[in-house]
Amino acid sequence: MISINKNIQSEILMTTMEEIVPQDSLFRKIDKYIDFTFIYDEVKDLYCDNNGRPSIDPIVLFKLVFIQTLDGIKSMRQTCKKIKVDAEYRWFLGIPFGQDTPHFSTFSKNYERRFKDSDVFENIFINIVKQAIKYNLIDGTTFYTDSTHKKANANKNKYNDEIVKNIKERRKWLEEEINEERIKNGRKPFEYKDEIEERHIKVSTTDKESGYYHRDNKEKGFMYLDHRTVDDKCNIIVDCYVTKGNVHDSNPFIERCEYIKNTFDFNIKKYAVDSGYLTLDIKKYFIENDIFGVFGYRRYGSSESRQEKRKYEYIKELDVYYEKETGEILEYNGLIDKVGYKKYQNIDKKKIVRRHIHEEWNEIFNNNRLSEEGKKLYQQRKEHVERSFADSKQNHGYRYAMYKGVKKNQHYTWLICAAQNMKNIAIKKEKVNGKSLTKSTYLTKIINFIENIINIQKLFQKIYV
């Protein structure tokens, strides 16, 4: 029998939004576990106390962005259209049917007039992380860092070629160690000075603050980079730092580590990163801060040079290289070059092996990588930070930068990652509470069952007596 729906669009319904919104709604869970009232304190100095028209509730303003992020809606215009007819969104915002919802330009106008020069976005992100800490969802000892690119709102074919002059970055701590080594061996110290390096770069004519991103096996174009750090326990994002697309992953790493430590008072013990972070500065930072660091594998030099060096074995106690086949000894002759490589030679100076002044660091981190703990940690890196990026791009509209400029993209990235953390917190807490509830219900049933047996026994005793 065929069924035909009748026209019921004009039917009057007597119900409430509380009844319409599903009990398992993500927005219900977020509203249950996330405290948004701190936003009032963050923005109160940006509003006038005794003048002007009444404003839209600041929490409602930021919730607009959270709704857009959580449901991966492409624009604020489309978000505000959906809010008009969606009971779930209205319930989350606290706006009943019959009351007007905010215009799509409301948040952008408030951004320009109030928020863009404040630290409210960063503080919102930090507060959500602290709420995760309060819920015991962050361990604070083991972290994973990586970067992902977001396509800038810029045509990759529209650019100017420019020459950029920068002072080449120097490792002054390494220069001092090299000169100490030379003086110890009776040699004249090197004179180091700042060097100007010139680079030809592409500068977008559409978004000048984006950077041209080009890496092997990846799409080229104007991008922004999100340098993200996640915690090991529940994959909560603890830092999201935006740079131009042509900034190397390792450049902001140490600065962001210090930011995480100082902001949240974490005691970092373990860190896993890919081979792009394998620099002397980061190795030094890990060693000085007693951090068990694991880097992805990277090959150095040509295959011929690696094969040649495998013929020799270093004897630390004697500071010499020993040739495995012939037994010939290569001794350190006191020579060290400007970048820190010591030269080991045999008697006739025909065989030469170079060893960096901090070669033992490579050995330490190579042992870390090959250890059982290191292998497990590096595997978890993929499952944590890569999954965090995948979730952002697949579900929260993170593939494209919707705005121009590093600063504005940084502000919205803080809000996007805060929303992602909210979802994570709500799901994890609901799961834990659901288990507790199930366990409690199960115990209650057992107790009731035992009580019923006892009552039955008493009844039989009365009958037989």
Foldseek 3Di string as FASTA:
>chain_A
DDDDDDDCVPPDDDDFLVVVDDPPDLLVLLVVQDDPVVLCVQQVVQDDDPDDDDDDDVSLLLVLLLQCQQQVPQALQVSQVCCLPDSSNCVSSVHTHVGHDDHSCRNVVCCVRGNLPGCSLVVLLLVLVVSCVVVVQFPQAEKEKDKDKAAEPADQVAWDKDKDKDWDDDDVVLLVVLQVLLVVVVHHRDDDDIDIDIDIATATPVFRQAGFADDPPDDTGTIKMWIWMAGLRQLATQGTAIHHRPDQNQVCVVVVVVVSCVSPVGLYAEYEYEQSNPDPVVLVVCVVSNHLYAYHDDDDDDPVLVVLPVQWDADVVQRWIAGPPPRFIWHFPSDADSSAWTWTAGPVRPDIDTAGPVNVSVVSNVVSCPDPVNVVSNVSSCVRPVVVVVCSVVRRVRNHQPDHDSSVSRSSVSSSSSSVSSSSSSVVVVVVVVVVVVVVVVVVVVVVVVVVVVVVVVVVVVVVD
